Each structure stands twice: as structure tokens, then as C-alpha cells.
Amino acid sequence: MAGMTGPQLRIKRTAMNRLPVQSAVENSMPRKPHASALEQISSGGGIAHTIVVTRPLKQSMLLAERIQSLGVTPTLYPLLDILPAVDRRLIYDAVRNIDCYALVIFVSPNAIAAFFPSVTYWPRSTAIAVMGSTGVKQLEKLGFTEAHVKIVVPDRLSSNDSEGLLKILNLQELRGKRALIVRAETGREYLANALLAGGMTVDLLAAYRRIPVRLDQQRMVLLNELLAGHNDWVVTSTEGLAVLVDQAEQAAGSEGRVRLITQRLIVTHPRIFEAAKIAGFTNVVLSGTGDDNVMSCLTALYSGHGS
């Protein structure tokens, strides 16, 4: 591929630069159930009522801290672990050829965290697209702002997803150019197909993996306690939702599933909402993506005594 030339943004290697990927890698290390993280936030004995945060562990902490302001004790029950890509050479190859791309799209904070430790410079001719404000903040920590490179992000009136991003991309301007989508090993093909239909050449890079957290004995005890209560569950992916339903059945059989689907689910995207309804959940609330939307939803529910 012929590379484009132009001014480049040099990336200084500091602790701040390395922090996002360190979190992702640390989260992939084998460990016992997440009791230590749970103890950092939760206190007391049995679980009468709680808000269960099901994101990967490292991404749960800030939201859990904010939930405490509602006067409810949050519980961390991560459904997925984030692991490095099996072959990181693919990331190195993409970084070496970064100036061949007019646009690099990061579908999640995990994609940013997995990709940037290998980056030492960034050409100004290569725009970056992220799905929301969390991605923008990550880029700022790495030294990337609009002063250095064009950053594309869905506006506040759009959804923080592929559909929202496509609304603001100038596909006519991008026709004939090359895009790189940095993502997990699995994911939707919607964005790639839309860019291809718009006349772009698209490369997909699997920069990390998502795997279900193993249901060991300690997690099973916690899950059964949660299933015995009346809780709110914050679920941020259809993949995680499938893991939750499966683990409820593993922990308590068909009765576990029945107990789960009668508890309230707060989901961040219409696709998760639809999957939850298909799975039989009877009380599903759509919050919108991002911590701010989740907190606005929870605040409205709890200020109205919706628990």
C-alpha cells in the first residue's frame, strides 16, 4: 500500500500514555472471583437490594463509585473479561502502515487501550473516529486533541454506536480511501459494510478478545444471592446478557432464569433491549450509552422511588 506523507504527531511514552492498555492487560490476568474489587465498594452481609454493574472489571469502577451517590450499594459482577489479541503482530503491522489510512475507527475504549501502546507517531492526514465522549477523553490522555488530528465522534443527539458515527461521516469525501476498524475478535459487520458500500476500502483489526468470566464457586454464591433479591442490573452488551442468562441457569437451573428475568434490567442500546425482551425479561429500561446516560436513568428511577 502506498503511504501518505505529511506532518506527524509524536507520541511521548509516559505512564499516562500506557495506563489504558495496562488496565486492559491487567484485567486479562487469571484471578479468583472478583471479591477483592467487590469489597472495595460493597460492605455488609447479605444483598437486600443493589445495582449490579456487569461491565468488565476495570471499566466498572468509576460507574460504581457514581452509583454510590444514589444511596445504593453497587455490586460488581463482570460478565466478560478483556484479553489481548492472540497475535499482536497484526497490531504492529497496522501501526507501521498507519499513514495508509484516511480514517482509523476505534469501536470501544478497549480498542483504544489495546492499540495505542504500539503507536509512536500519528500522521495528521489520518483522522480518528471514536464512539463517544469516553473515547475522546482517552485520546486526550494520550495527547490527541483536535489541535493535532481530526477526531470524529457522534454528536450528542446521535447514538454512540456505528449508526451514530455513520450519520456524521462524510462518505462522499472518503470514497476511494482506506479505513481501519479496530475492534474485538467478534462484532457487528454493519459499519464495515456501510463503509464498503460508500466506496471505501476497509481493513478489520482484531486488537483484543472478550471471553466470559468463569463461573467458579465464589461467583456462584454471589450470583445466587443476587438472584434471591430484587436488584437492578446494568448490562452494556448483548454478549454479556447471554453470559448472564447462561450463568443464572448454571447456578440455579430453570429457577435461576425465572428469578433473573423478573429483575430490572438497565440496558444501554436498543439491540440489548430487544435481546432482553426475546430472553423473557419483563422489566427492561433503555438508558442510552455512556456513564452519563446510565446515571441519568438510574437517578430518575431512584428519585421516583422506582426501585
C-alpha atoms as a PDB file:
ATOM      1  CA  MET A   1       0.000   0.000   0.000  1.00  0.00           C
ATOM      2  CA  ALA A   2       1.344   3.437  -0.863  1.00  0.00           C
ATOM      3  CA  GLY A   3       1.788   5.531   2.257  1.00  0.00           C
ATOM      4  CA  MET A   4       0.751   9.170   2.538  1.00  0.00           C
ATOM      5  CA  THR A   5       3.223  11.751   3.782  1.00  0.00           C
ATOM      6  CA  GLY A   6       2.607  14.745   5.991  1.00  0.00           C
ATOM      7  CA  PRO A   7       3.131  16.174   9.467  1.00  0.00           C
ATOM      8  CA  GLN A   8       3.118  13.615  12.225  1.00  0.00           C
ATOM      9  CA  LEU A   9       2.119  13.717  15.864  1.00  0.00           C
ATOM     10  CA  ARG A  10       4.867  12.223  18.007  1.00  0.00           C
ATOM     11  CA  ILE A  11       3.651  10.207  20.978  1.00  0.00           C
ATOM     12  CA  LYS A  12       5.583  10.615  24.201  1.00  0.00           C
ATOM     13  CA  ARG A  13       5.845   7.425  26.207  1.00  0.00           C
ATOM     14  CA  THR A  14       4.666   8.337  29.689  1.00  0.00           C
ATOM     15  CA  ALA A  15       2.831   6.494  32.423  1.00  0.00           C
ATOM     16  CA  MET A  16      -0.316   8.320  31.337  1.00  0.00           C
ATOM     17  CA  ASN A  17       0.136   7.071  27.772  1.00  0.00           C
ATOM     18  CA  ARG A  18       0.406   3.499  28.959  1.00  0.00           C
ATOM     19  CA  LEU A  19      -2.374   3.479  31.518  1.00  0.00           C
ATOM     20  CA  PRO A  20      -5.341   2.479  29.308  1.00  0.00           C
ATOM     21  CA  VAL A  21      -3.723  -0.645  27.888  1.00  0.00           C
ATOM     22  CA  GLN A  22      -2.290  -1.571  31.282  1.00  0.00           C
ATOM     23  CA  SER A  23      -5.805  -1.707  32.642  1.00  0.00           C
ATOM     24  CA  ALA A  24      -6.940  -3.967  29.833  1.00  0.00           C
ATOM     25  CA  VAL A  25      -3.975  -6.300  30.197  1.00  0.00           C
ATOM     26  CA  GLU A  26      -4.267  -6.478  33.967  1.00  0.00           C
ATOM     27  CA  ASN A  27      -7.941  -7.300  33.566  1.00  0.00           C
ATOM     28  CA  SER A  28      -6.993 -10.289  31.436  1.00  0.00           C
ATOM     29  CA  MET A  29      -4.820 -11.904  34.086  1.00  0.00           C
ATOM     30  CA  PRO A  30      -6.239 -15.111  35.614  1.00  0.00           C
ATOM     31  CA  ARG A  31      -7.613 -14.470  39.063  1.00  0.00           C
ATOM     32  CA  LYS A  32     -10.055 -15.730  41.601  1.00  0.00           C
ATOM     33  CA  PRO A  33     -13.586 -14.300  41.703  1.00  0.00           C
ATOM     34  CA  HIS A  34     -13.800 -10.564  41.943  1.00  0.00           C
ATOM     35  CA  ALA A  35     -14.205 -10.495  45.719  1.00  0.00           C
ATOM     36  CA  SER A  36     -11.400  -8.003  46.269  1.00  0.00           C
ATOM     37  CA  ALA A  37     -12.931  -5.475  43.889  1.00  0.00           C
ATOM     38  CA  LEU A  38     -16.347  -6.139  45.353  1.00  0.00           C
ATOM     39  CA  GLU A  39     -15.053  -5.466  48.844  1.00  0.00           C
ATOM     40  CA  GLN A  40     -13.662  -2.113  47.744  1.00  0.00           C
ATOM     41  CA  ILE A  41     -17.174  -0.896  47.063  1.00  0.00           C
ATOM     42  CA  SER A  42     -19.642  -3.192  48.783  1.00  0.00           C
ATOM     43  CA  SER A  43     -19.999  -3.587  52.510  1.00  0.00           C
ATOM     44  CA  GLY A  44     -22.220  -5.515  54.862  1.00  0.00           C
ATOM     45  CA  GLY A  45     -23.572  -9.037  54.673  1.00  0.00           C
ATOM     46  CA  GLY A  46     -26.459 -10.243  52.544  1.00  0.00           C
ATOM     47  CA  ILE A  47     -27.659  -8.445  49.438  1.00  0.00           C
ATOM     48  CA  ALA A  48     -31.089  -6.936  50.007  1.00  0.00           C
ATOM     49  CA  HIS A  49     -31.114  -4.544  47.053  1.00  0.00           C
ATOM     50  CA  THR A  50     -28.229  -3.457  44.877  1.00  0.00           C
ATOM     51  CA  ILE A  51     -27.360  -2.088  41.463  1.00  0.00           C
ATOM     52  CA  VAL A  52     -25.275  -4.720  39.704  1.00  0.00           C
ATOM     53  CA  VAL A  53     -22.635  -3.412  37.288  1.00  0.00           C
ATOM     54  CA  THR A  54     -21.754  -6.111  34.768  1.00  0.00           C
ATOM     55  CA  ARG A  55     -19.062  -4.463  32.671  1.00  0.00           C
ATOM     56  CA  PRO A  56     -15.514  -5.833  32.540  1.00  0.00           C
ATOM     57  CA  LEU A  57     -13.934  -5.138  35.909  1.00  0.00           C
ATOM     58  CA  LYS A  58     -11.642  -2.217  35.065  1.00  0.00           C
ATOM     59  CA  GLN A  59     -14.489  -0.387  33.331  1.00  0.00           C
ATOM     60  CA  SER A  60     -16.873  -0.849  36.255  1.00  0.00           C
ATOM     61  CA  MET A  61     -15.125   1.096  38.988  1.00  0.00           C
ATOM     62  CA  LEU A  62     -15.955   4.688  38.014  1.00  0.00           C
ATOM     63  CA  LEU A  63     -19.616   3.910  37.368  1.00  0.00           C
ATOM     64  CA  ALA A  64     -19.844   2.008  40.654  1.00  0.00           C
ATOM     65  CA  GLU A  65     -18.419   4.989  42.525  1.00  0.00           C
ATOM     66  CA  ARG A  66     -21.007   7.287  40.940  1.00  0.00           C
ATOM     67  CA  ILE A  67     -23.821   4.889  41.812  1.00  0.00           C
ATOM     68  CA  GLN A  68     -22.994   5.304  45.489  1.00  0.00           C
ATOM     69  CA  SER A  69     -24.332   8.875  45.263  1.00  0.00           C
ATOM     70  CA  LEU A  70     -27.814   7.372  44.851  1.00  0.00           C
ATOM     71  CA  GLY A  71     -27.605   5.857  48.316  1.00  0.00           C
ATOM     72  CA  VAL A  72     -27.486   2.329  46.918  1.00  0.00           C
ATOM     73  CA  THR A  73     -24.573  -0.062  47.357  1.00  0.00           C
ATOM     74  CA  PRO A  74     -23.337  -1.210  43.934  1.00  0.00           C
ATOM     75  CA  THR A  75     -22.151  -4.745  43.292  1.00  0.00           C
ATOM     76  CA  LEU A  76     -19.599  -5.683  40.647  1.00  0.00           C
ATOM     77  CA  TYR A  77     -20.451  -8.810  38.685  1.00  0.00           C
ATOM     78  CA  PRO A  78     -18.338  -8.653  35.498  1.00  0.00           C
ATOM     79  CA  LEU A  79     -19.659 -10.853  32.725  1.00  0.00           C
ATOM     80  CA  LEU A  80     -16.776 -10.553  30.265  1.00  0.00           C
ATOM     81  CA  ASP A  81     -13.006 -10.394  30.580  1.00  0.00           C
ATOM     82  CA  ILE A  82     -10.872  -8.441  28.124  1.00  0.00           C
ATOM     83  CA  LEU A  83      -7.797 -10.280  26.844  1.00  0.00           C
ATOM     84  CA  PRO A  84      -5.032  -9.213  24.461  1.00  0.00           C
ATOM     85  CA  ALA A  85      -5.172 -10.318  20.843  1.00  0.00           C
ATOM     86  CA  VAL A  86      -3.744 -13.761  20.167  1.00  0.00           C
ATOM     87  CA  ASP A  87      -1.341 -12.335  17.572  1.00  0.00           C
ATOM     88  CA  ARG A  88      -0.194  -8.812  18.417  1.00  0.00           C
ATOM     89  CA  ARG A  89       1.916  -8.747  15.261  1.00  0.00           C
ATOM     90  CA  LEU A  90      -1.238  -7.745  13.405  1.00  0.00           C
ATOM     91  CA  ILE A  91      -1.404  -4.622  15.568  1.00  0.00           C
ATOM     92  CA  TYR A  92       2.258  -3.831  14.894  1.00  0.00           C
ATOM     93  CA  ASP A  93       1.679  -4.216  11.152  1.00  0.00           C
ATOM     94  CA  ALA A  94      -1.295  -1.848  11.268  1.00  0.00           C
ATOM     95  CA  VAL A  95       0.710   0.718  13.245  1.00  0.00           C
ATOM     96  CA  ARG A  96       3.570   0.558  10.732  1.00  0.00           C
ATOM     97  CA  ASN A  97       1.129   1.257   7.904  1.00  0.00           C
ATOM     98  CA  ILE A  98      -0.951   3.838   9.749  1.00  0.00           C
ATOM     99  CA  ASP A  99      -0.296   6.556   7.183  1.00  0.00           C
ATOM    100  CA  CYS A 100      -2.032   4.414   4.543  1.00  0.00           C
ATOM    101  CA  TYR A 101      -5.371   5.118   6.214  1.00  0.00           C
ATOM    102  CA  ALA A 102      -7.556   8.175   5.846  1.00  0.00           C
ATOM    103  CA  LEU A 103      -9.579   7.083   8.874  1.00  0.00           C
ATOM    104  CA  VAL A 104      -8.985   4.781  11.853  1.00  0.00           C
ATOM    105  CA  ILE A 105     -12.118   3.849  13.805  1.00  0.00           C
ATOM    106  CA  PHE A 106     -11.979   2.595  17.394  1.00  0.00           C
ATOM    107  CA  VAL A 107     -15.230   0.861  18.272  1.00  0.00           C
ATOM    108  CA  SER A 108     -14.693   0.885  22.056  1.00  0.00           C
ATOM    109  CA  PRO A 109     -12.401   2.088  24.860  1.00  0.00           C
ATOM    110  CA  ASN A 110     -10.884  -1.398  24.837  1.00  0.00           C
ATOM    111  CA  ALA A 111      -9.884  -0.940  21.206  1.00  0.00           C
ATOM    112  CA  ILE A 112      -8.037   2.279  22.069  1.00  0.00           C
ATOM    113  CA  ALA A 113      -6.369   0.638  25.056  1.00  0.00           C
ATOM    114  CA  ALA A 114      -5.182  -2.327  23.010  1.00  0.00           C
ATOM    115  CA  PHE A 115      -3.890  -0.352  20.021  1.00  0.00           C
ATOM    116  CA  PHE A 116      -2.070   2.717  21.287  1.00  0.00           C
ATOM    117  CA  PRO A 117       0.778   1.165  23.318  1.00  0.00           C
ATOM    118  CA  SER A 118       2.306   0.240  19.950  1.00  0.00           C
ATOM    119  CA  VAL A 119       1.925   3.754  18.496  1.00  0.00           C
ATOM    120  CA  THR A 120       4.916   6.119  18.449  1.00  0.00           C
ATOM    121  CA  TYR A 121       3.634   8.688  15.954  1.00  0.00           C
ATOM    122  CA  TRP A 122       0.416   9.630  14.200  1.00  0.00           C
ATOM    123  CA  PRO A 123       0.142  11.312  10.788  1.00  0.00           C
ATOM    124  CA  ARG A 124      -2.078  14.386  10.730  1.00  0.00           C
ATOM    125  CA  SER A 125      -3.618  13.122   7.498  1.00  0.00           C
ATOM    126  CA  THR A 126      -5.157  10.146   9.333  1.00  0.00           C
ATOM    127  CA  ALA A 127      -8.393  11.012  11.129  1.00  0.00           C
ATOM    128  CA  ILE A 128      -9.532   9.142  14.242  1.00  0.00           C
ATOM    129  CA  ALA A 129     -13.137   8.143  14.940  1.00  0.00           C
ATOM    130  CA  VAL A 130     -14.455   7.042  18.332  1.00  0.00           C
ATOM    131  CA  MET A 131     -17.938   6.187  19.519  1.00  0.00           C
ATOM    132  CA  GLY A 132     -18.421   8.635  22.385  1.00  0.00           C
ATOM    133  CA  SER A 133     -17.038  11.005  24.997  1.00  0.00           C
ATOM    134  CA  THR A 134     -15.202   8.228  26.835  1.00  0.00           C
ATOM    135  CA  GLY A 135     -13.094   7.599  23.753  1.00  0.00           C
ATOM    136  CA  VAL A 136     -12.415  11.314  23.358  1.00  0.00           C
ATOM    137  CA  LYS A 137     -11.192  11.512  26.958  1.00  0.00           C
ATOM    138  CA  GLN A 138      -8.913   8.520  26.415  1.00  0.00           C
ATOM    139  CA  LEU A 139      -7.401  10.197  23.378  1.00  0.00           C
ATOM    140  CA  GLU A 140      -6.847  13.406  25.329  1.00  0.00           C
ATOM    141  CA  LYS A 141      -4.891  11.472  27.958  1.00  0.00           C
ATOM    142  CA  LEU A 142      -2.694  10.178  25.158  1.00  0.00           C
ATOM    143  CA  GLY A 143      -2.118  13.695  23.848  1.00  0.00           C
ATOM    144  CA  PHE A 144      -4.583  13.584  20.964  1.00  0.00           C
ATOM    145  CA  THR A 145      -6.808  16.627  20.508  1.00  0.00           C
ATOM    146  CA  GLU A 146      -8.385  18.411  17.551  1.00  0.00           C
ATOM    147  CA  ALA A 147      -5.278  20.616  17.512  1.00  0.00           C
ATOM    148  CA  HIS A 148      -3.210  17.602  16.435  1.00  0.00           C
ATOM    149  CA  VAL A 149      -5.534  15.407  14.400  1.00  0.00           C
ATOM    150  CA  LYS A 150      -9.121  15.325  13.188  1.00  0.00           C
ATOM    151  CA  ILE A 151     -11.285  13.451  15.707  1.00  0.00           C
ATOM    152  CA  VAL A 152     -14.731  12.276  14.624  1.00  0.00           C
ATOM    153  CA  VAL A 153     -17.327  11.437  17.270  1.00  0.00           C
ATOM    154  CA  PRO A 154     -21.138  11.157  17.109  1.00  0.00           C
ATOM    155  CA  ASP A 155     -22.860  14.312  18.302  1.00  0.00           C
ATOM    156  CA  ARG A 156     -24.892  14.329  21.481  1.00  0.00           C
ATOM    157  CA  LEU A 157     -28.155  13.937  19.610  1.00  0.00           C
ATOM    158  CA  SER A 158     -26.965  10.714  17.970  1.00  0.00           C
ATOM    159  CA  SER A 159     -26.359   7.282  19.440  1.00  0.00           C
ATOM    160  CA  ASN A 160     -22.787   6.403  20.422  1.00  0.00           C
ATOM    161  CA  ASP A 161     -22.561   3.494  18.007  1.00  0.00           C
ATOM    162  CA  SER A 162     -21.943   2.636  14.377  1.00  0.00           C
ATOM    163  CA  GLU A 163     -25.238   4.177  13.307  1.00  0.00           C
ATOM    164  CA  GLY A 164     -24.436   7.436  15.093  1.00  0.00           C
ATOM    165  CA  LEU A 165     -20.955   7.591  13.595  1.00  0.00           C
ATOM    166  CA  LEU A 166     -22.205   6.984  10.065  1.00  0.00           C
ATOM    167  CA  LYS A 167     -24.569   9.946  10.384  1.00  0.00           C
ATOM    168  CA  ILE A 168     -21.664  12.368  10.701  1.00  0.00           C
ATOM    169  CA  LEU A 169     -19.049  10.764   8.442  1.00  0.00           C
ATOM    170  CA  ASN A 170     -18.705  12.406   5.042  1.00  0.00           C
ATOM    171  CA  LEU A 171     -18.748   9.229   2.972  1.00  0.00           C
ATOM    172  CA  GLN A 172     -18.568  11.180  -0.276  1.00  0.00           C
ATOM    173  CA  GLU A 173     -15.295  12.733   0.844  1.00  0.00           C
ATOM    174  CA  LEU A 174     -13.987   9.342   1.984  1.00  0.00           C
ATOM    175  CA  ARG A 175     -14.891   7.476  -1.211  1.00  0.00           C
ATOM    176  CA  GLY A 176     -11.881   5.688  -2.672  1.00  0.00           C
ATOM    177  CA  LYS A 177      -9.882   5.955   0.563  1.00  0.00           C
ATOM    178  CA  ARG A 178      -8.890   3.326   3.120  1.00  0.00           C
ATOM    179  CA  ALA A 179     -10.267   2.863   6.641  1.00  0.00           C
ATOM    180  CA  LEU A 180      -9.114   0.692   9.527  1.00  0.00           C
ATOM    181  CA  ILE A 181     -11.643  -0.551  12.099  1.00  0.00           C
ATOM    182  CA  VAL A 182     -10.038  -1.548  15.413  1.00  0.00           C
ATOM    183  CA  ARG A 183     -12.316  -3.912  17.309  1.00  0.00           C
ATOM    184  CA  ALA A 184     -12.601  -7.207  19.189  1.00  0.00           C
ATOM    185  CA  GLU A 185     -12.322 -10.596  17.512  1.00  0.00           C
ATOM    186  CA  THR A 186     -16.097 -10.673  17.164  1.00  0.00           C
ATOM    187  CA  GLY A 187     -18.522  -7.878  16.438  1.00  0.00           C
ATOM    188  CA  ARG A 188     -21.094  -6.490  14.051  1.00  0.00           C
ATOM    189  CA  GLU A 189     -20.209  -6.041  10.377  1.00  0.00           C
ATOM    190  CA  TYR A 190     -22.674  -3.167   9.966  1.00  0.00           C
ATOM    191  CA  LEU A 191     -20.092  -0.364   9.991  1.00  0.00           C
ATOM    192  CA  ALA A 192     -17.642  -2.138   7.701  1.00  0.00           C
ATOM    193  CA  ASN A 193     -20.378  -2.986   5.214  1.00  0.00           C
ATOM    194  CA  ALA A 194     -21.642   0.602   5.197  1.00  0.00           C
ATOM    195  CA  LEU A 195     -18.157   1.982   4.511  1.00  0.00           C
ATOM    196  CA  LEU A 196     -17.599  -0.575   1.755  1.00  0.00           C
ATOM    197  CA  ALA A 197     -20.925   0.394   0.204  1.00  0.00           C
ATOM    198  CA  GLY A 198     -19.767   4.017   0.355  1.00  0.00           C
ATOM    199  CA  GLY A 199     -16.754   3.210  -1.795  1.00  0.00           C
ATOM    200  CA  MET A 200     -14.062   2.838   0.866  1.00  0.00           C
ATOM    201  CA  THR A 201     -11.517   0.061   1.271  1.00  0.00           C
ATOM    202  CA  VAL A 202     -11.894  -1.360   4.786  1.00  0.00           C
ATOM    203  CA  ASP A 203      -9.464  -3.353   6.918  1.00  0.00           C
ATOM    204  CA  LEU A 204     -10.571  -5.013  10.169  1.00  0.00           C
ATOM    205  CA  LEU A 205      -8.132  -5.421  13.062  1.00  0.00           C
ATOM    206  CA  ALA A 206      -8.929  -7.728  15.981  1.00  0.00           C
ATOM    207  CA  ALA A 207      -6.983  -5.936  18.731  1.00  0.00           C
ATOM    208  CA  TYR A 208      -8.449  -7.721  21.749  1.00  0.00           C
ATOM    209  CA  ARG A 209     -10.704 -10.577  22.818  1.00  0.00           C
ATOM    210  CA  ARG A 210     -13.805 -10.810  25.008  1.00  0.00           C
ATOM    211  CA  ILE A 211     -14.381 -14.030  26.921  1.00  0.00           C
ATOM    212  CA  PRO A 212     -16.988 -14.950  29.561  1.00  0.00           C
ATOM    213  CA  VAL A 213     -15.796 -14.734  33.149  1.00  0.00           C
ATOM    214  CA  ARG A 214     -15.678 -18.266  34.547  1.00  0.00           C
ATOM    215  CA  LEU A 215     -18.481 -19.172  36.942  1.00  0.00           C
ATOM    216  CA  ASP A 216     -16.456 -20.573  39.833  1.00  0.00           C
ATOM    217  CA  GLN A 217     -17.750 -21.375  43.302  1.00  0.00           C
ATOM    218  CA  GLN A 218     -17.400 -17.879  44.760  1.00  0.00           C
ATOM    219  CA  ARG A 219     -19.132 -16.239  41.806  1.00  0.00           C
ATOM    220  CA  MET A 220     -21.890 -18.822  42.013  1.00  0.00           C
ATOM    221  CA  VAL A 221     -22.505 -17.964  45.677  1.00  0.00           C
ATOM    222  CA  LEU A 222     -22.676 -14.253  44.821  1.00  0.00           C
ATOM    223  CA  LEU A 223     -24.943 -14.852  41.840  1.00  0.00           C
ATOM    224  CA  ASN A 224     -27.375 -16.929  43.885  1.00  0.00           C
ATOM    225  CA  GLU A 225     -27.529 -14.137  46.476  1.00  0.00           C
ATOM    226  CA  LEU A 226     -28.301 -11.646  43.720  1.00  0.00           C
ATOM    227  CA  LEU A 227     -30.932 -13.896  42.164  1.00  0.00           C
ATOM    228  CA  ALA A 228     -32.658 -14.183  45.539  1.00  0.00           C
ATOM    229  CA  GLY A 229     -33.098 -10.398  45.743  1.00  0.00           C
ATOM    230  CA  HIS A 230     -34.785  -7.684  43.698  1.00  0.00           C
ATOM    231  CA  ASN A 231     -31.972  -5.832  42.004  1.00  0.00           C
ATOM    232  CA  ASP A 232     -31.165  -3.574  39.093  1.00  0.00           C
ATOM    233  CA  TRP A 233     -28.681  -4.919  36.556  1.00  0.00           C
ATOM    234  CA  VAL A 234     -26.728  -2.579  34.263  1.00  0.00           C
ATOM    235  CA  VAL A 235     -25.963  -4.538  31.083  1.00  0.00           C
ATOM    236  CA  THR A 236     -23.950  -2.971  28.266  1.00  0.00           C
ATOM    237  CA  SER A 237     -23.692  -5.686  25.592  1.00  0.00           C
ATOM    238  CA  THR A 238     -25.786  -8.443  24.072  1.00  0.00           C
ATOM    239  CA  GLU A 239     -22.838 -10.793  24.537  1.00  0.00           C
ATOM    240  CA  GLY A 240     -22.760 -10.023  28.254  1.00  0.00           C
ATOM    241  CA  LEU A 241     -26.520 -10.516  28.505  1.00  0.00           C
ATOM    242  CA  ALA A 242     -26.198 -14.008  27.032  1.00  0.00           C
ATOM    243  CA  VAL A 243     -23.489 -14.841  29.579  1.00  0.00           C
ATOM    244  CA  LEU A 244     -25.685 -13.585  32.432  1.00  0.00           C
ATOM    245  CA  VAL A 245     -28.651 -15.736  31.412  1.00  0.00           C
ATOM    246  CA  ASP A 246     -26.418 -18.769  30.941  1.00  0.00           C
ATOM    247  CA  GLN A 247     -24.743 -18.347  34.342  1.00  0.00           C
ATOM    248  CA  ALA A 248     -28.080 -17.881  36.103  1.00  0.00           C
ATOM    249  CA  GLU A 249     -29.170 -21.234  34.677  1.00  0.00           C
ATOM    250  CA  GLN A 250     -25.864 -22.846  35.655  1.00  0.00           C
ATOM    251  CA  ALA A 251     -26.163 -21.506  39.205  1.00  0.00           C
ATOM    252  CA  ALA A 252     -29.813 -22.341  39.891  1.00  0.00           C
ATOM    253  CA  GLY A 253     -31.277 -24.178  36.923  1.00  0.00           C
ATOM    254  CA  SER A 254     -34.543 -23.047  35.353  1.00  0.00           C
ATOM    255  CA  GLU A 255     -35.494 -21.362  38.634  1.00  0.00           C
ATOM    256  CA  GLY A 256     -32.392 -19.194  38.324  1.00  0.00           C
ATOM    257  CA  ARG A 257     -33.518 -17.953  34.931  1.00  0.00           C
ATOM    258  CA  VAL A 258     -37.019 -17.239  36.245  1.00  0.00           C
ATOM    259  CA  ARG A 259     -35.594 -15.211  39.125  1.00  0.00           C
ATOM    260  CA  LEU A 260     -33.297 -13.302  36.809  1.00  0.00           C
ATOM    261  CA  ILE A 261     -35.817 -12.263  34.176  1.00  0.00           C
ATOM    262  CA  THR A 262     -38.129 -10.731  36.788  1.00  0.00           C
ATOM    263  CA  GLN A 263     -35.407  -8.356  37.997  1.00  0.00           C
ATOM    264  CA  ARG A 264     -34.991  -4.944  36.407  1.00  0.00           C
ATOM    265  CA  LEU A 265     -32.505  -4.539  33.576  1.00  0.00           C
ATOM    266  CA  ILE A 266     -30.972  -1.191  32.598  1.00  0.00           C
ATOM    267  CA  VAL A 267     -29.531  -1.545  29.094  1.00  0.00           C
ATOM    268  CA  THR A 268     -27.557   0.920  27.008  1.00  0.00           C
ATOM    269  CA  HIS A 269     -28.634   0.138  23.456  1.00  0.00           C
ATOM    270  CA  PRO A 270     -31.814  -0.836  21.582  1.00  0.00           C
ATOM    271  CA  ARG A 271     -30.164  -4.078  20.418  1.00  0.00           C
ATOM    272  CA  ILE A 272     -29.670  -5.153  24.037  1.00  0.00           C
ATOM    273  CA  PHE A 273     -33.247  -4.106  24.805  1.00  0.00           C
ATOM    274  CA  GLU A 274     -34.555  -6.341  22.020  1.00  0.00           C
ATOM    275  CA  ALA A 275     -32.346  -9.261  23.092  1.00  0.00           C
ATOM    276  CA  ALA A 276     -33.555  -8.903  26.690  1.00  0.00           C
ATOM    277  CA  LYS A 277     -37.190  -8.977  25.620  1.00  0.00           C
ATOM    278  CA  ILE A 278     -36.562 -12.061  23.495  1.00  0.00           C
ATOM    279  CA  ALA A 279     -34.883 -13.704  26.508  1.00  0.00           C
ATOM    280  CA  GLY A 280     -38.041 -13.090  28.535  1.00  0.00           C
ATOM    281  CA  PHE A 281     -37.094 -10.144  30.758  1.00  0.00           C
ATOM    282  CA  THR A 282     -40.229  -8.356  31.886  1.00  0.00           C
ATOM    283  CA  ASN A 283     -38.771  -5.072  33.185  1.00  0.00           C
ATOM    284  CA  VAL A 284     -36.224  -3.543  30.813  1.00  0.00           C
ATOM    285  CA  VAL A 285     -35.244   0.136  30.767  1.00  0.00           C
ATOM    286  CA  LEU A 286     -33.236   1.716  27.935  1.00  0.00           C
ATOM    287  CA  SER A 287     -30.778   4.290  29.277  1.00  0.00           C
ATOM    288  CA  GLY A 288     -28.645   5.220  26.298  1.00  0.00           C
ATOM    289  CA  THR A 289     -24.908   4.659  26.018  1.00  0.00           C
ATOM    290  CA  GLY A 290     -22.210   6.006  28.322  1.00  0.00           C
ATOM    291  CA  ASP A 291     -21.956   6.514  32.065  1.00  0.00           C
ATOM    292  CA  ASP A 292     -23.751   9.865  31.987  1.00  0.00           C
ATOM    293  CA  ASN A 293     -26.840   8.367  30.369  1.00  0.00           C
ATOM    294  CA  VAL A 294     -26.783   5.374  32.708  1.00  0.00           C
ATOM    295  CA  MET A 295     -26.562   7.673  35.730  1.00  0.00           C
ATOM    296  CA  SER A 296     -29.344   9.934  34.438  1.00  0.00           C
ATOM    297  CA  CYS A 297     -31.555   6.881  34.018  1.00  0.00           C
ATOM    298  CA  LEU A 298     -30.751   5.487  37.468  1.00  0.00           C
ATOM    299  CA  THR A 299     -31.212   8.896  39.086  1.00  0.00           C
ATOM    300  CA  ALA A 300     -34.656   9.222  37.516  1.00  0.00           C
ATOM    301  CA  LEU A 301     -35.623   5.722  38.622  1.00  0.00           C
ATOM    302  CA  TYR A 302     -34.455   6.190  42.186  1.00  0.00           C
ATOM    303  CA  SER A 303     -35.647   9.762  42.666  1.00  0.00           C
ATOM    304  CA  GLY A 304     -39.071   8.494  41.635  1.00  0.00           C
ATOM    305  CA  HIS A 305     -38.764   5.571  44.043  1.00  0.00           C
ATOM    306  CA  GLY A 306     -38.637   3.288  41.015  1.00  0.00           C
ATOM    307  CA  SER A 307     -36.687   0.607  42.857  1.00  0.00           C
END
